[in-house]
Amino acid sequence: MTALRLLQRMKRDWMHTGRRPSGLCGAALLVAARMHDFRRTVKEVISVVKVCESTLRKRLMEFEDTPTSQLTVDEFMKIDLEGECDPPSYTAGQRKLRMKQVQVGLCLLVLSLISGEISSYQDAIEIELENSRPKAKGALLRPGPGLWAGAPRDERGGPALLSGRIVSPHDFPAHRELDGFLPLEKHLRRCDIPVSLGA
């Protein structure tokens, strides 16, 4: 009788849909035997109902998730629960969905922590690079006309390209002191290397 009552409760909790009845019968027989202090092993029940041990364990775990499994033996015999549970496949899907949401939340949290740490390291590296760069000294700090001062200008005011000839130091009147290249020019001419550094 207890096994039949258990089966009715399992049907009300949607455990029978999509399942063969032998697994539910095995779970009901095992629970009913334990409720009345008959020590039946899982192997004995399996040999009667002809299901795999893993199937029987799955049905027992599904029954464990129902409110009926929380009742004592006396409460189970006296109280008939009105409510129904969701089908086990639905609750398993909801559990997987919740686990996925938790994983996504954890990934986003870890990603935000790591990106914050990376940006702090990046700021520290940029500050260290800025401090370790050599400081400009002397002529580089003095404002002056620059290398292009006095050079030919185009219509936009920028330095004009000197058409068809090699640029020499003499093209820049502000920097006539570059004539120090002339000894180098003489040396290269001795080596038969054509050079046009002069005007």
N, C-alpha and C. Protein backbone atom coordinates (compact mmCIF):
# COMPACT_ATOMS: atom_id res chain seq x y z
N MET A 1 0.82 -1.21 0.00
CA MET A 1 0.00 0.00 0.00
C MET A 1 0.86 1.27 0.00
N THR A 2 1.91 1.25 0.80
CA THR A 2 2.77 2.44 0.89
C THR A 2 3.43 2.72 -0.46
N ALA A 3 3.86 1.66 -1.14
CA ALA A 3 4.49 1.84 -2.45
C ALA A 3 3.51 2.44 -3.45
N LEU A 4 2.25 2.01 -3.38
CA LEU A 4 1.23 2.59 -4.27
C LEU A 4 0.99 4.06 -3.96
N ARG A 5 0.96 4.38 -2.68
CA ARG A 5 0.80 5.79 -2.28
C ARG A 5 1.97 6.64 -2.77
N LEU A 6 3.15 6.07 -2.64
CA LEU A 6 4.35 6.77 -3.13
C LEU A 6 4.26 6.98 -4.65
N LEU A 7 3.81 5.97 -5.37
CA LEU A 7 3.68 6.12 -6.82
C LEU A 7 2.66 7.19 -7.19
N GLN A 8 1.55 7.25 -6.45
CA GLN A 8 0.55 8.30 -6.71
C GLN A 8 1.17 9.69 -6.49
N ARG A 9 1.94 9.80 -5.42
CA ARG A 9 2.57 11.09 -5.12
C ARG A 9 3.60 11.44 -6.21
N MET A 10 4.35 10.46 -6.66
CA MET A 10 5.33 10.70 -7.73
C MET A 10 4.64 11.14 -9.02
N LYS A 11 3.48 10.53 -9.31
CA LYS A 11 2.72 10.93 -10.50
C LYS A 11 2.23 12.36 -10.36
N ARG A 12 1.80 12.73 -9.15
CA ARG A 12 1.31 14.09 -8.94
C ARG A 12 2.45 15.10 -9.07
N ASP A 13 3.66 14.67 -8.76
CA ASP A 13 4.84 15.55 -8.88
C ASP A 13 5.50 15.44 -10.26
N TRP A 14 4.81 14.90 -11.23
CA TRP A 14 5.24 14.85 -12.62
C TRP A 14 6.51 14.01 -12.84
N MET A 15 6.78 13.08 -11.94
CA MET A 15 7.97 12.26 -12.12
C MET A 15 7.75 11.16 -13.16
N HIS A 16 6.50 10.87 -13.51
CA HIS A 16 6.22 9.75 -14.41
C HIS A 16 6.28 10.13 -15.88
N THR A 17 6.21 11.44 -16.20
CA THR A 17 6.15 11.83 -17.61
C THR A 17 7.50 11.63 -18.28
N GLY A 18 7.47 10.93 -19.40
CA GLY A 18 8.69 10.71 -20.17
C GLY A 18 9.58 9.63 -19.59
N ARG A 19 9.11 8.90 -18.60
CA ARG A 19 9.92 7.86 -17.96
C ARG A 19 9.19 6.53 -18.05
N ARG A 20 9.95 5.47 -18.05
CA ARG A 20 9.34 4.15 -17.98
C ARG A 20 8.91 3.89 -16.54
N PRO A 21 7.82 3.22 -16.34
CA PRO A 21 7.30 3.05 -14.98
C PRO A 21 8.15 2.14 -14.10
N SER A 22 9.00 1.32 -14.69
CA SER A 22 9.77 0.38 -13.87
C SER A 22 10.74 1.10 -12.93
N GLY A 23 11.32 2.24 -13.38
CA GLY A 23 12.22 3.00 -12.51
C GLY A 23 11.49 3.58 -11.32
N LEU A 24 10.29 4.14 -11.56
CA LEU A 24 9.49 4.68 -10.46
C LEU A 24 9.04 3.58 -9.51
N CYS A 25 8.66 2.42 -10.08
CA CYS A 25 8.24 1.31 -9.22
C CYS A 25 9.38 0.85 -8.33
N GLY A 26 10.58 0.77 -8.90
CA GLY A 26 11.74 0.37 -8.10
C GLY A 26 12.01 1.35 -6.98
N ALA A 27 11.95 2.66 -7.28
CA ALA A 27 12.18 3.67 -6.24
C ALA A 27 11.11 3.59 -5.17
N ALA A 28 9.84 3.41 -5.57
CA ALA A 28 8.74 3.32 -4.60
C ALA A 28 8.88 2.08 -3.73
N LEU A 29 9.25 0.94 -4.33
CA LEU A 29 9.44 -0.29 -3.54
C LEU A 29 10.57 -0.13 -2.53
N LEU A 30 11.67 0.47 -2.94
CA LEU A 30 12.82 0.63 -2.04
C LEU A 30 12.47 1.56 -0.88
N VAL A 31 11.81 2.69 -1.17
CA VAL A 31 11.45 3.65 -0.11
C VAL A 31 10.42 3.02 0.82
N ALA A 32 9.42 2.32 0.27
CA ALA A 32 8.38 1.70 1.11
C ALA A 32 8.98 0.62 2.01
N ALA A 33 9.92 -0.16 1.47
CA ALA A 33 10.57 -1.20 2.29
C ALA A 33 11.34 -0.56 3.44
N ARG A 34 12.06 0.52 3.16
CA ARG A 34 12.83 1.17 4.23
C ARG A 34 11.90 1.84 5.24
N MET A 35 10.76 2.35 4.78
CA MET A 35 9.81 2.99 5.71
C MET A 35 9.26 1.99 6.73
N HIS A 36 9.10 0.74 6.31
CA HIS A 36 8.53 -0.28 7.20
C HIS A 36 9.60 -1.21 7.75
N ASP A 37 10.85 -0.76 7.75
CA ASP A 37 11.98 -1.48 8.33
C ASP A 37 12.25 -2.83 7.68
N PHE A 38 11.97 -2.95 6.40
CA PHE A 38 12.40 -4.13 5.65
C PHE A 38 13.70 -3.74 4.95
N ARG A 39 14.78 -4.37 5.31
CA ARG A 39 16.08 -4.03 4.75
C ARG A 39 16.26 -4.73 3.41
N ARG A 40 15.89 -4.05 2.37
CA ARG A 40 16.10 -4.56 1.02
C ARG A 40 17.24 -3.76 0.40
N THR A 41 18.14 -4.46 -0.27
CA THR A 41 19.26 -3.78 -0.91
C THR A 41 18.83 -3.28 -2.28
N VAL A 42 19.65 -2.41 -2.81
CA VAL A 42 19.38 -1.86 -4.15
C VAL A 42 19.45 -2.98 -5.19
N LYS A 43 20.39 -3.90 -5.02
CA LYS A 43 20.53 -5.00 -5.98
C LYS A 43 19.30 -5.89 -5.99
N GLU A 44 18.70 -6.12 -4.82
CA GLU A 44 17.48 -6.94 -4.77
C GLU A 44 16.34 -6.27 -5.53
N VAL A 45 16.19 -4.96 -5.35
CA VAL A 45 15.12 -4.23 -6.04
C VAL A 45 15.39 -4.21 -7.54
N ILE A 46 16.65 -4.02 -7.92
CA ILE A 46 17.02 -3.99 -9.35
C ILE A 46 16.70 -5.32 -10.01
N SER A 47 16.97 -6.42 -9.30
CA SER A 47 16.70 -7.75 -9.90
C SER A 47 15.20 -7.98 -10.11
N VAL A 48 14.36 -7.29 -9.34
CA VAL A 48 12.91 -7.44 -9.49
C VAL A 48 12.37 -6.55 -10.60
N VAL A 49 12.75 -5.27 -10.60
CA VAL A 49 12.15 -4.32 -11.55
C VAL A 49 12.91 -4.21 -12.87
N LYS A 50 14.09 -4.80 -12.94
CA LYS A 50 14.89 -4.86 -14.18
C LYS A 50 15.25 -3.48 -14.73
N VAL A 51 15.83 -2.65 -13.86
CA VAL A 51 16.37 -1.36 -14.31
C VAL A 51 17.82 -1.27 -13.86
N CYS A 52 18.51 -0.32 -14.43
CA CYS A 52 19.91 -0.09 -14.07
C CYS A 52 19.99 0.60 -12.71
N GLU A 53 21.10 0.40 -12.02
CA GLU A 53 21.27 1.02 -10.70
C GLU A 53 21.29 2.55 -10.80
N SER A 54 21.91 3.08 -11.86
CA SER A 54 21.96 4.54 -12.01
C SER A 54 20.57 5.13 -12.22
N THR A 55 19.70 4.40 -12.94
CA THR A 55 18.33 4.88 -13.15
C THR A 55 17.59 4.93 -11.82
N LEU A 56 17.75 3.88 -11.01
CA LEU A 56 17.09 3.86 -9.70
C LEU A 56 17.59 5.00 -8.82
N ARG A 57 18.88 5.25 -8.85
CA ARG A 57 19.44 6.34 -8.05
C ARG A 57 18.92 7.70 -8.53
N LYS A 58 18.79 7.87 -9.85
CA LYS A 58 18.24 9.13 -10.38
C LYS A 58 16.81 9.35 -9.89
N ARG A 59 15.99 8.31 -9.92
CA ARG A 59 14.60 8.45 -9.46
C ARG A 59 14.55 8.77 -7.97
N LEU A 60 15.44 8.16 -7.20
CA LEU A 60 15.48 8.46 -5.76
C LEU A 60 15.91 9.91 -5.52
N MET A 61 16.87 10.39 -6.32
CA MET A 61 17.31 11.79 -6.16
C MET A 61 16.20 12.75 -6.58
N GLU A 62 15.46 12.40 -7.62
CA GLU A 62 14.33 13.25 -8.03
C GLU A 62 13.25 13.27 -6.96
N PHE A 63 13.01 12.12 -6.33
CA PHE A 63 12.02 12.07 -5.25
C PHE A 63 12.51 12.87 -4.04
N GLU A 64 13.81 12.90 -3.83
CA GLU A 64 14.37 13.65 -2.71
C GLU A 64 14.13 15.15 -2.86
N ASP A 65 14.01 15.64 -4.09
CA ASP A 65 13.79 17.07 -4.33
C ASP A 65 12.34 17.49 -4.13
N THR A 66 11.44 16.55 -3.89
CA THR A 66 10.02 16.89 -3.70
C THR A 66 9.73 17.14 -2.22
N PRO A 67 8.67 17.90 -1.91
CA PRO A 67 8.32 18.14 -0.50
C PRO A 67 7.88 16.88 0.23
N THR A 68 7.40 15.87 -0.48
CA THR A 68 6.96 14.63 0.15
C THR A 68 8.11 13.94 0.86
N SER A 69 9.30 14.06 0.32
CA SER A 69 10.45 13.38 0.93
C SER A 69 10.82 13.97 2.27
N GLN A 70 10.35 15.17 2.58
CA GLN A 70 10.67 15.81 3.85
C GLN A 70 9.71 15.39 4.97
N LEU A 71 8.66 14.68 4.64
CA LEU A 71 7.68 14.26 5.65
C LEU A 71 8.19 13.03 6.40
N THR A 72 7.74 12.92 7.64
CA THR A 72 8.02 11.69 8.40
C THR A 72 7.06 10.60 7.93
N VAL A 73 7.26 9.38 8.43
CA VAL A 73 6.40 8.26 8.02
C VAL A 73 4.96 8.50 8.45
N ASP A 74 4.77 8.96 9.69
CA ASP A 74 3.40 9.22 10.18
C ASP A 74 2.75 10.35 9.39
N GLU A 75 3.50 11.42 9.12
CA GLU A 75 2.94 12.53 8.35
C GLU A 75 2.57 12.08 6.94
N PHE A 76 3.40 11.23 6.36
CA PHE A 76 3.13 10.75 5.01
C PHE A 76 1.84 9.93 4.97
N MET A 77 1.62 9.14 6.02
CA MET A 77 0.41 8.30 6.06
C MET A 77 -0.84 9.12 6.32
N LYS A 78 -0.71 10.22 7.08
CA LYS A 78 -1.90 10.99 7.46
C LYS A 78 -2.17 12.16 6.51
N ILE A 79 -1.12 12.83 6.07
CA ILE A 79 -1.29 14.07 5.29
C ILE A 79 -1.20 13.75 3.80
N ASP A 80 -2.13 14.31 3.05
CA ASP A 80 -2.05 14.22 1.59
C ASP A 80 -1.79 15.63 1.06
N LEU A 81 -0.59 15.86 0.58
CA LEU A 81 -0.21 17.20 0.11
C LEU A 81 -1.01 17.57 -1.12
N GLU A 82 -1.52 18.79 -1.11
CA GLU A 82 -2.35 19.27 -2.22
C GLU A 82 -1.50 19.74 -3.41
N GLY A 83 -0.38 20.38 -3.09
CA GLY A 83 0.41 21.02 -4.15
C GLY A 83 1.14 20.02 -5.02
N GLU A 84 1.51 20.50 -6.17
CA GLU A 84 2.31 19.70 -7.11
C GLU A 84 3.67 20.35 -7.28
N CYS A 85 4.64 19.54 -7.62
CA CYS A 85 5.98 20.06 -7.92
C CYS A 85 6.13 20.22 -9.42
N ASP A 86 7.13 20.98 -9.80
CA ASP A 86 7.47 21.07 -11.22
C ASP A 86 8.11 19.75 -11.66
N PRO A 87 8.03 19.43 -12.94
CA PRO A 87 8.68 18.21 -13.43
C PRO A 87 10.19 18.25 -13.19
N PRO A 88 10.81 17.11 -12.94
CA PRO A 88 12.25 17.09 -12.67
C PRO A 88 13.09 17.66 -13.81
N SER A 89 12.65 17.45 -15.05
CA SER A 89 13.42 17.99 -16.18
C SER A 89 13.38 19.52 -16.17
N TYR A 90 12.24 20.09 -15.78
CA TYR A 90 12.11 21.55 -15.71
C TYR A 90 13.00 22.11 -14.60
N THR A 91 12.96 21.48 -13.42
CA THR A 91 13.79 21.98 -12.31
C THR A 91 15.27 21.82 -12.64
N ALA A 92 15.64 20.74 -13.35
CA ALA A 92 17.04 20.57 -13.74
C ALA A 92 17.45 21.67 -14.72
N GLY A 93 16.55 22.01 -15.65
CA GLY A 93 16.85 23.09 -16.60
C GLY A 93 16.99 24.43 -15.90
N GLN A 94 16.10 24.68 -14.90
CA GLN A 94 16.20 25.93 -14.13
C GLN A 94 17.49 25.98 -13.34
N ARG A 95 17.89 24.84 -12.79
CA ARG A 95 19.14 24.78 -12.02
C ARG A 95 20.33 25.09 -12.93
N LYS A 96 20.32 24.51 -14.14
CA LYS A 96 21.41 24.79 -15.09
C LYS A 96 21.44 26.26 -15.48
N LEU A 97 20.25 26.84 -15.69
CA LEU A 97 20.17 28.25 -16.05
C LEU A 97 20.72 29.14 -14.94
N ARG A 98 20.36 28.81 -13.69
CA ARG A 98 20.88 29.58 -12.55
C ARG A 98 22.39 29.45 -12.44
N MET A 99 22.89 28.23 -12.66
CA MET A 99 24.34 28.02 -12.59
C MET A 99 25.05 28.83 -13.68
N LYS A 100 24.44 28.87 -14.87
CA LYS A 100 25.04 29.64 -15.96
C LYS A 100 25.06 31.13 -15.64
N GLN A 101 23.96 31.62 -15.04
CA GLN A 101 23.90 33.04 -14.66
C GLN A 101 24.94 33.36 -13.59
N VAL A 102 25.11 32.44 -12.64
CA VAL A 102 26.12 32.65 -11.60
C VAL A 102 27.51 32.67 -12.22
N GLN A 103 27.76 31.75 -13.17
CA GLN A 103 29.06 31.72 -13.83
C GLN A 103 29.32 33.01 -14.61
N VAL A 104 28.31 33.50 -15.32
CA VAL A 104 28.47 34.74 -16.08
C VAL A 104 28.74 35.91 -15.13
N GLY A 105 28.00 35.95 -14.01
CA GLY A 105 28.23 37.01 -13.03
C GLY A 105 29.63 36.96 -12.45
N LEU A 106 30.11 35.74 -12.14
CA LEU A 106 31.47 35.61 -11.62
C LEU A 106 32.51 36.02 -12.66
N CYS A 107 32.27 35.62 -13.92
CA CYS A 107 33.21 36.00 -14.97
C CYS A 107 33.28 37.52 -15.14
N LEU A 108 32.12 38.18 -15.10
CA LEU A 108 32.10 39.64 -15.22
C LEU A 108 32.80 40.30 -14.04
N LEU A 109 32.60 39.75 -12.84
CA LEU A 109 33.25 40.30 -11.66
C LEU A 109 34.76 40.15 -11.76
N VAL A 110 35.21 38.96 -12.15
CA VAL A 110 36.66 38.72 -12.29
C VAL A 110 37.23 39.61 -13.38
N LEU A 111 36.49 39.75 -14.48
CA LEU A 111 36.96 40.59 -15.59
C LEU A 111 37.09 42.05 -15.16
N SER A 112 36.12 42.55 -14.39
CA SER A 112 36.21 43.94 -13.94
C SER A 112 37.37 44.13 -12.97
N LEU A 113 37.59 43.14 -12.09
CA LEU A 113 38.72 43.24 -11.17
C LEU A 113 40.05 43.22 -11.92
N ILE A 114 40.15 42.32 -12.90
CA ILE A 114 41.39 42.20 -13.65
C ILE A 114 41.63 43.45 -14.49
N SER A 115 40.57 43.99 -15.12
CA SER A 115 40.76 45.18 -15.95
C SER A 115 41.16 46.38 -15.09
N GLY A 116 40.60 46.48 -13.88
CA GLY A 116 41.02 47.55 -12.98
C GLY A 116 42.48 47.41 -12.58
N GLU A 117 42.90 46.17 -12.32
CA GLU A 117 44.29 45.94 -11.95
C GLU A 117 45.22 46.22 -13.13
N ILE A 118 44.79 45.83 -14.33
CA ILE A 118 45.60 46.08 -15.52
C ILE A 118 45.75 47.58 -15.77
N SER A 119 44.65 48.33 -15.60
CA SER A 119 44.75 49.78 -15.83
C SER A 119 45.64 50.44 -14.79
N SER A 120 45.62 49.94 -13.54
CA SER A 120 46.51 50.53 -12.53
C SER A 120 47.97 50.23 -12.86
N TYR A 121 48.25 48.99 -13.33
CA TYR A 121 49.61 48.66 -13.75
C TYR A 121 50.03 49.50 -14.95
N GLN A 122 49.10 49.70 -15.88
CA GLN A 122 49.40 50.50 -17.07
C GLN A 122 49.73 51.94 -16.69
N ASP A 123 48.96 52.51 -15.76
CA ASP A 123 49.25 53.87 -15.29
C ASP A 123 50.62 53.93 -14.63
N ALA A 124 50.93 52.93 -13.81
CA ALA A 124 52.23 52.92 -13.13
C ALA A 124 53.37 52.80 -14.13
N ILE A 125 53.19 51.98 -15.16
CA ILE A 125 54.23 51.83 -16.19
C ILE A 125 54.42 53.13 -16.96
N GLU A 126 53.31 53.80 -17.31
CA GLU A 126 53.43 55.06 -18.04
C GLU A 126 54.13 56.13 -17.21
N ILE A 127 53.83 56.18 -15.92
CA ILE A 127 54.50 57.15 -15.03
C ILE A 127 55.98 56.84 -14.95
N GLU A 128 56.32 55.55 -14.81
CA GLU A 128 57.73 55.16 -14.72
C GLU A 128 58.46 55.47 -16.02
N LEU A 129 57.82 55.23 -17.16
CA LEU A 129 58.45 55.56 -18.45
C LEU A 129 58.66 57.06 -18.59
N GLU A 130 57.67 57.83 -18.16
CA GLU A 130 57.78 59.29 -18.23
C GLU A 130 58.94 59.78 -17.36
N ASN A 131 59.11 59.20 -16.20
CA ASN A 131 60.19 59.62 -15.30
C ASN A 131 61.55 59.15 -15.79
N SER A 132 61.61 58.03 -16.53
CA SER A 132 62.91 57.50 -16.95
C SER A 132 63.37 58.05 -18.29
N ARG A 133 62.55 58.82 -19.00
CA ARG A 133 62.97 59.40 -20.27
C ARG A 133 64.02 60.48 -20.01
N PRO A 134 65.07 60.54 -20.87
CA PRO A 134 66.08 61.59 -20.66
C PRO A 134 65.49 62.97 -20.96
N LYS A 135 65.87 63.92 -20.15
CA LYS A 135 65.39 65.29 -20.31
C LYS A 135 66.22 66.00 -21.38
N ALA A 136 65.58 66.84 -22.20
CA ALA A 136 66.27 67.61 -23.24
C ALA A 136 67.10 68.71 -22.60
N LYS A 137 68.33 68.90 -23.12
CA LYS A 137 69.23 69.91 -22.56
C LYS A 137 69.76 70.81 -23.66
N GLY A 138 70.24 71.96 -23.27
CA GLY A 138 70.99 72.86 -24.14
C GLY A 138 70.20 73.41 -25.31
N ALA A 139 70.75 73.21 -26.53
CA ALA A 139 70.20 73.82 -27.74
C ALA A 139 68.79 73.33 -28.05
N LEU A 140 68.46 72.11 -27.60
CA LEU A 140 67.13 71.60 -27.88
C LEU A 140 66.06 72.34 -27.10
N LEU A 141 66.43 72.89 -25.94
CA LEU A 141 65.46 73.63 -25.14
C LEU A 141 65.30 75.07 -25.60
N ARG A 142 66.35 75.66 -26.26
CA ARG A 142 66.29 77.05 -26.68
C ARG A 142 65.36 77.23 -27.86
N PRO A 143 64.43 78.16 -27.78
CA PRO A 143 63.59 78.40 -28.95
C PRO A 143 64.40 79.13 -30.01
N GLY A 144 64.30 78.70 -31.23
CA GLY A 144 65.05 79.33 -32.29
C GLY A 144 64.35 79.13 -33.62
N PRO A 145 65.00 79.55 -34.69
CA PRO A 145 64.36 79.45 -35.99
C PRO A 145 64.22 78.02 -36.47
N GLY A 146 65.05 77.11 -35.99
CA GLY A 146 64.95 75.72 -36.39
C GLY A 146 65.71 75.45 -37.67
N LEU A 147 65.74 74.20 -38.04
CA LEU A 147 66.52 73.77 -39.19
C LEU A 147 65.96 74.33 -40.49
N TRP A 148 64.64 74.50 -40.56
CA TRP A 148 64.02 74.93 -41.80
C TRP A 148 63.95 76.45 -41.94
N ALA A 149 64.54 77.21 -41.03
CA ALA A 149 64.49 78.67 -41.13
C ALA A 149 65.29 79.12 -42.35
N GLY A 150 64.72 79.95 -43.14
CA GLY A 150 65.39 80.48 -44.33
C GLY A 150 65.31 79.56 -45.54
N ALA A 151 64.73 78.38 -45.38
CA ALA A 151 64.61 77.46 -46.51
C ALA A 151 63.49 77.94 -47.41
N PRO A 152 63.52 77.56 -48.67
CA PRO A 152 62.44 77.96 -49.58
C PRO A 152 61.09 77.47 -49.07
N ARG A 153 60.04 78.30 -49.24
CA ARG A 153 58.70 77.98 -48.73
C ARG A 153 57.75 77.76 -49.89
N ASP A 154 56.76 76.89 -49.65
CA ASP A 154 55.72 76.71 -50.67
C ASP A 154 54.56 77.66 -50.37
N GLU A 155 53.45 77.52 -51.14
CA GLU A 155 52.34 78.46 -51.00
C GLU A 155 51.63 78.33 -49.65
N ARG A 156 51.77 77.21 -48.96
CA ARG A 156 51.14 77.06 -47.64
C ARG A 156 52.06 77.49 -46.51
N GLY A 157 53.26 77.86 -46.80
CA GLY A 157 54.18 78.33 -45.79
C GLY A 157 55.10 77.25 -45.26
N GLY A 158 54.96 76.02 -45.75
CA GLY A 158 55.83 74.94 -45.30
C GLY A 158 57.08 74.89 -46.14
N PRO A 159 58.08 74.09 -45.73
CA PRO A 159 59.31 74.00 -46.52
C PRO A 159 59.02 73.38 -47.88
N ALA A 160 59.52 74.03 -48.93
CA ALA A 160 59.27 73.55 -50.29
C ALA A 160 60.26 72.46 -50.64
N LEU A 161 59.81 71.51 -51.44
CA LEU A 161 60.73 70.49 -51.93
C LEU A 161 61.61 71.13 -52.99
N LEU A 162 62.87 70.81 -52.93
CA LEU A 162 63.79 71.37 -53.91
C LEU A 162 63.74 70.47 -55.13
N SER A 163 63.25 71.01 -56.22
CA SER A 163 62.89 70.17 -57.37
C SER A 163 64.13 69.60 -58.03
N GLY A 164 64.18 68.28 -58.11
CA GLY A 164 65.14 67.57 -58.92
C GLY A 164 66.59 67.62 -58.49
N ARG A 165 66.94 68.15 -57.37
CA ARG A 165 68.34 68.15 -56.97
C ARG A 165 68.47 67.74 -55.52
N ILE A 166 69.67 67.38 -55.16
CA ILE A 166 69.93 66.91 -53.80
C ILE A 166 69.99 68.11 -52.88
N VAL A 167 69.37 67.99 -51.70
CA VAL A 167 69.38 69.07 -50.72
C VAL A 167 70.77 69.14 -50.11
N SER A 168 71.31 70.33 -50.04
CA SER A 168 72.63 70.51 -49.42
C SER A 168 72.49 71.47 -48.25
N PRO A 169 73.50 71.54 -47.39
CA PRO A 169 73.44 72.47 -46.26
C PRO A 169 73.34 73.92 -46.69
N HIS A 170 73.78 74.22 -47.93
CA HIS A 170 73.74 75.61 -48.38
C HIS A 170 72.34 76.06 -48.74
N ASP A 171 71.37 75.12 -48.82
CA ASP A 171 69.99 75.50 -49.08
C ASP A 171 69.34 76.15 -47.87
N PHE A 172 69.98 76.06 -46.71
CA PHE A 172 69.43 76.59 -45.47
C PHE A 172 70.32 77.71 -44.98
N PRO A 173 69.97 78.97 -45.29
CA PRO A 173 70.84 80.08 -44.92
C PRO A 173 71.04 80.23 -43.42
N ALA A 174 70.11 79.82 -42.62
CA ALA A 174 70.26 79.97 -41.17
C ALA A 174 71.28 79.00 -40.62
N HIS A 175 71.69 78.01 -41.41
CA HIS A 175 72.60 76.98 -40.90
C HIS A 175 73.81 76.83 -41.82
N ARG A 176 74.49 77.92 -42.05
CA ARG A 176 75.69 77.87 -42.88
C ARG A 176 76.82 77.15 -42.15
N GLU A 177 76.66 76.98 -40.80
CA GLU A 177 77.75 76.34 -40.06
C GLU A 177 77.85 74.85 -40.37
N LEU A 178 76.93 74.32 -41.17
CA LEU A 178 77.02 72.92 -41.54
C LEU A 178 78.10 72.69 -42.59
N ASP A 179 78.88 73.75 -42.89
CA ASP A 179 79.96 73.59 -43.86
C ASP A 179 81.03 72.64 -43.35
N GLY A 180 80.91 72.22 -42.09
CA GLY A 180 81.86 71.25 -41.55
C GLY A 180 81.80 69.92 -42.27
N PHE A 181 80.78 69.75 -43.10
CA PHE A 181 80.69 68.51 -43.86
C PHE A 181 81.62 68.51 -45.07
N LEU A 182 82.17 69.65 -45.42
CA LEU A 182 83.01 69.72 -46.61
C LEU A 182 84.25 68.84 -46.53
N PRO A 183 84.96 68.75 -45.39
CA PRO A 183 86.09 67.81 -45.35
C PRO A 183 85.64 66.37 -45.61
N LEU A 184 84.46 66.01 -45.15
CA LEU A 184 83.93 64.67 -45.40
C LEU A 184 83.68 64.48 -46.89
N GLU A 185 83.19 65.56 -47.53
CA GLU A 185 82.93 65.49 -48.97
C GLU A 185 84.23 65.26 -49.74
N LYS A 186 85.31 65.94 -49.34
CA LYS A 186 86.60 65.77 -50.01
C LYS A 186 87.12 64.36 -49.82
N HIS A 187 86.95 63.82 -48.63
CA HIS A 187 87.41 62.46 -48.35
C HIS A 187 86.66 61.44 -49.20
N LEU A 188 85.36 61.65 -49.34
CA LEU A 188 84.57 60.71 -50.12
C LEU A 188 84.90 60.81 -51.61
N ARG A 189 85.27 62.02 -52.08
CA ARG A 189 85.64 62.16 -53.49
C ARG A 189 86.95 61.45 -53.78
N ARG A 190 87.86 61.43 -52.79
CA ARG A 190 89.11 60.71 -52.98
C ARG A 190 88.86 59.22 -53.16
N CYS A 191 87.79 58.74 -52.55
CA CYS A 191 87.44 57.31 -52.65
C CYS A 191 86.59 57.04 -53.88
N ASP A 192 86.46 57.99 -54.77
CA ASP A 192 85.66 57.86 -55.99
C ASP A 192 84.19 57.59 -55.71
N ILE A 193 83.66 58.20 -54.68
CA ILE A 193 82.23 58.09 -54.39
C ILE A 193 81.60 59.41 -54.78
N PRO A 194 80.64 59.40 -55.74
CA PRO A 194 80.02 60.67 -56.15
C PRO A 194 79.16 61.23 -55.03
N VAL A 195 79.48 62.45 -54.60
CA VAL A 195 78.75 63.09 -53.51
C VAL A 195 78.49 64.52 -53.91
N SER A 196 77.32 65.03 -53.58
CA SER A 196 77.02 66.43 -53.82
C SER A 196 76.47 67.03 -52.54
N LEU A 197 77.37 67.33 -51.60
CA LEU A 197 76.94 68.00 -50.38
C LEU A 197 76.98 69.51 -50.55
N GLY A 198 77.82 70.00 -51.44
CA GLY A 198 77.93 71.44 -51.63
C GLY A 198 76.92 71.95 -52.63
N ALA A 199 76.87 73.27 -52.79
CA ALA A 199 75.92 73.88 -53.71
C ALA A 199 76.40 73.77 -55.12
